[in-house]
C-alpha atoms as a PDB file:
ATOM      1  CA  MET A   1      -2.193  17.004 -47.043  1.00  0.00           C
ATOM      2  CA  ASN A   2      -3.146  14.379 -44.487  1.00  0.00           C
ATOM      3  CA  ALA A   3      -0.211  12.986 -42.462  1.00  0.00           C
ATOM      4  CA  PHE A   4      -1.968   9.628 -42.075  1.00  0.00           C
ATOM      5  CA  ASP A   5      -3.503   6.921 -44.219  1.00  0.00           C
ATOM      6  CA  VAL A   6      -6.798   5.627 -42.844  1.00  0.00           C
ATOM      7  CA  GLU A   7      -8.109   2.220 -43.843  1.00  0.00           C
ATOM      8  CA  ALA A   8     -11.509   0.796 -42.867  1.00  0.00           C
ATOM      9  CA  THR A   9     -11.495  -3.005 -42.797  1.00  0.00           C
ATOM     10  CA  ALA A  10     -14.376  -5.351 -43.556  1.00  0.00           C
ATOM     11  CA  ASP A  11     -14.681  -6.351 -39.888  1.00  0.00           C
ATOM     12  CA  GLY A  12     -15.270  -2.743 -38.798  1.00  0.00           C
ATOM     13  CA  ALA A  13     -11.752  -1.930 -37.580  1.00  0.00           C
ATOM     14  CA  THR A  14      -9.943   1.228 -38.592  1.00  0.00           C
ATOM     15  CA  ILE A  15      -6.212   1.127 -39.269  1.00  0.00           C
ATOM     16  CA  ILE A  16      -4.323   4.419 -39.143  1.00  0.00           C
ATOM     17  CA  ARG A  17      -0.750   4.599 -40.489  1.00  0.00           C
ATOM     18  CA  ALA A  18       1.596   7.578 -40.460  1.00  0.00           C
ATOM     19  CA  ARG A  19       2.949   8.510 -43.871  1.00  0.00           C
ATOM     20  CA  ARG A  20       6.424   9.222 -42.565  1.00  0.00           C
ATOM     21  CA  GLU A  21       8.920   7.060 -40.730  1.00  0.00           C
ATOM     22  CA  LEU A  22       9.329   7.350 -36.986  1.00  0.00           C
ATOM     23  CA  GLY A  23      12.382   9.425 -36.132  1.00  0.00           C
ATOM     24  CA  PRO A  24      14.933   8.725 -33.414  1.00  0.00           C
ATOM     25  CA  TYR A  25      13.465   8.102 -29.967  1.00  0.00           C
ATOM     26  CA  ALA A  26      14.686   7.229 -26.483  1.00  0.00           C
ATOM     27  CA  ARG A  27      15.142   3.593 -25.470  1.00  0.00           C
ATOM     28  CA  CYS A  28      12.960   4.153 -22.395  1.00  0.00           C
ATOM     29  CA  THR A  29      11.327   6.895 -20.326  1.00  0.00           C
ATOM     30  CA  GLY A  30      14.287   6.935 -17.937  1.00  0.00           C
ATOM     31  CA  ASP A  31      16.588   7.937 -20.792  1.00  0.00           C
ATOM     32  CA  ASP A  32      14.337  10.927 -21.497  1.00  0.00           C
ATOM     33  CA  VAL A  33      14.220  11.916 -17.812  1.00  0.00           C
ATOM     34  CA  ARG A  34      18.019  11.785 -17.640  1.00  0.00           C
ATOM     35  CA  ALA A  35      18.515  13.627 -20.947  1.00  0.00           C
ATOM     36  CA  TRP A  36      16.102  16.487 -20.243  1.00  0.00           C
ATOM     37  CA  GLY A  37      17.244  16.760 -16.620  1.00  0.00           C
ATOM     38  CA  THR A  38      20.807  17.231 -17.861  1.00  0.00           C
ATOM     39  CA  ARG A  39      20.121  19.296 -20.998  1.00  0.00           C
ATOM     40  CA  THR A  40      17.501  21.720 -19.661  1.00  0.00           C
ATOM     41  CA  PRO A  41      17.510  21.424 -15.862  1.00  0.00           C
ATOM     42  CA  ASN A  42      15.684  24.724 -15.276  1.00  0.00           C
ATOM     43  CA  ALA A  43      12.894  24.206 -17.820  1.00  0.00           C
ATOM     44  CA  THR A  44       9.472  23.330 -16.423  1.00  0.00           C
ATOM     45  CA  PHE A  45       8.551  19.661 -16.668  1.00  0.00           C
ATOM     46  CA  VAL A  46       5.116  20.002 -15.060  1.00  0.00           C
ATOM     47  CA  ALA A  47       3.128  22.479 -13.006  1.00  0.00           C
ATOM     48  CA  GLU A  48      -0.122  22.371 -11.096  1.00  0.00           C
ATOM     49  CA  ARG A  49      -2.163  24.755  -8.994  1.00  0.00           C
ATOM     50  CA  GLY A  50      -1.596  24.506  -5.262  1.00  0.00           C
ATOM     51  CA  PRO A  51      -4.303  24.844  -2.609  1.00  0.00           C
ATOM     52  CA  ASP A  52      -3.783  28.614  -2.588  1.00  0.00           C
ATOM     53  CA  GLY A  53      -4.132  28.838  -6.379  1.00  0.00           C
ATOM     54  CA  ALA A  54      -0.434  29.545  -6.960  1.00  0.00           C
ATOM     55  CA  TRP A  55       1.474  27.442  -9.468  1.00  0.00           C
ATOM     56  CA  MET A  56       3.662  24.658  -8.070  1.00  0.00           C
ATOM     57  CA  ARG A  57       6.368  24.003 -10.651  1.00  0.00           C
ATOM     58  CA  LEU A  58       8.748  21.073 -11.067  1.00  0.00           C
ATOM     59  CA  SER A  59      11.752  21.546 -13.352  1.00  0.00           C
ATOM     60  CA  TYR A  60      13.449  18.779 -15.326  1.00  0.00           C
ATOM     61  CA  GLY A  61      16.481  19.022 -13.036  1.00  0.00           C
ATOM     62  CA  GLU A  62      14.298  18.638  -9.939  1.00  0.00           C
ATOM     63  CA  LEU A  63      12.472  15.784 -11.670  1.00  0.00           C
ATOM     64  CA  LEU A  64      15.708  13.900 -12.277  1.00  0.00           C
ATOM     65  CA  GLY A  65      16.862  14.276  -8.672  1.00  0.00           C
ATOM     66  CA  ARG A  66      13.525  13.298  -7.166  1.00  0.00           C
ATOM     67  CA  VAL A  67      13.012  10.352  -9.524  1.00  0.00           C
ATOM     68  CA  ARG A  68      16.412   8.967  -8.536  1.00  0.00           C
ATOM     69  CA  THR A  69      15.700   9.441  -4.824  1.00  0.00           C
ATOM     70  CA  ILE A  70      12.198   7.969  -4.950  1.00  0.00           C
ATOM     71  CA  GLY A  71      13.394   5.092  -7.144  1.00  0.00           C
ATOM     72  CA  ALA A  72      16.110   4.233  -4.611  1.00  0.00           C
ATOM     73  CA  GLY A  73      13.503   4.364  -1.842  1.00  0.00           C
ATOM     74  CA  LEU A  74      11.235   1.989  -3.730  1.00  0.00           C
ATOM     75  CA  ILE A  75      14.081  -0.493  -4.116  1.00  0.00           C
ATOM     76  CA  GLU A  76      15.027  -0.167  -0.425  1.00  0.00           C
ATOM     77  CA  ARG A  77      11.423  -1.011   0.450  1.00  0.00           C
ATOM     78  CA  GLY A  78      11.506  -4.207  -1.592  1.00  0.00           C
ATOM     79  CA  ALA A  79       9.899  -3.151  -4.868  1.00  0.00           C
ATOM     80  CA  THR A  80      11.151  -5.261  -7.783  1.00  0.00           C
ATOM     81  CA  ALA A  81      10.368  -6.010 -11.399  1.00  0.00           C
ATOM     82  CA  ASP A  82       8.375  -8.994 -10.090  1.00  0.00           C
ATOM     83  CA  ALA A  83       6.326  -6.836  -7.700  1.00  0.00           C
ATOM     84  CA  PRO A  84       4.562  -4.143  -9.738  1.00  0.00           C
ATOM     85  CA  LEU A  85       3.745  -0.837  -8.125  1.00  0.00           C
ATOM     86  CA  GLY A  86       0.120   0.276  -7.952  1.00  0.00           C
ATOM     87  CA  ILE A  87      -0.574   3.980  -7.501  1.00  0.00           C
ATOM     88  CA  VAL A  88      -3.896   4.929  -5.976  1.00  0.00           C
ATOM     89  CA  ALA A  89      -3.923   8.702  -6.213  1.00  0.00           C
ATOM     90  CA  GLU A  90      -5.251  11.572  -8.243  1.00  0.00           C
ATOM     91  CA  ASN A  91      -3.210  12.782 -11.183  1.00  0.00           C
ATOM     92  CA  GLY A  92      -0.675  15.342 -10.068  1.00  0.00           C
ATOM     93  CA  ILE A  93       2.989  16.025  -9.519  1.00  0.00           C
ATOM     94  CA  GLU A  94       3.360  13.338  -6.837  1.00  0.00           C
ATOM     95  CA  HIS A  95       1.676  10.755  -9.065  1.00  0.00           C
ATOM     96  CA  ALA A  96       4.027  11.636 -11.933  1.00  0.00           C
ATOM     97  CA  LEU A  97       7.078  11.401  -9.664  1.00  0.00           C
ATOM     98  CA  VAL A  98       6.218   7.960  -8.278  1.00  0.00           C
ATOM     99  CA  SER A  99       5.244   6.631 -11.706  1.00  0.00           C
ATOM    100  CA  LEU A 100       8.429   7.872 -13.378  1.00  0.00           C
ATOM    101  CA  ALA A 101      10.587   6.725 -10.434  1.00  0.00           C
ATOM    102  CA  GLY A 102       9.226   3.206 -10.742  1.00  0.00           C
ATOM    103  CA  GLN A 103       9.898   3.179 -14.463  1.00  0.00           C
ATOM    104  CA  TYR A 104      13.361   4.681 -13.931  1.00  0.00           C
ATOM    105  CA  VAL A 105      14.462   1.784 -11.723  1.00  0.00           C
ATOM    106  CA  GLY A 106      12.680  -0.936 -13.724  1.00  0.00           C
ATOM    107  CA  ILE A 107       9.610  -1.480 -11.581  1.00  0.00           C
ATOM    108  CA  PRO A 108       6.359  -1.906 -13.531  1.00  0.00           C
ATOM    109  CA  VAL A 109       3.841   0.762 -12.545  1.00  0.00           C
END
């Protein structure tokens, strides 16, 4: 059974609708960071290969601590909701940390 209904419209658009209601979800990303950092602090949030090929791992607990620290640093440096943060970097752990820190303290990224 398909979990979605797919409708093709006369103007060429495709509308996809889930057949079930959306369950409970967090108010914002920061709520998820806080919840997972508290609930499962030792579980891996993200990992990437380092220059030597070994895995560099970041746990949810480490994520929560670093996001709070980086977020405070962004605010101390004058970042605000009216001054969005642009990240010019490759995808990676550092990119994730800065992006989530901005979101955590209410700075558009």
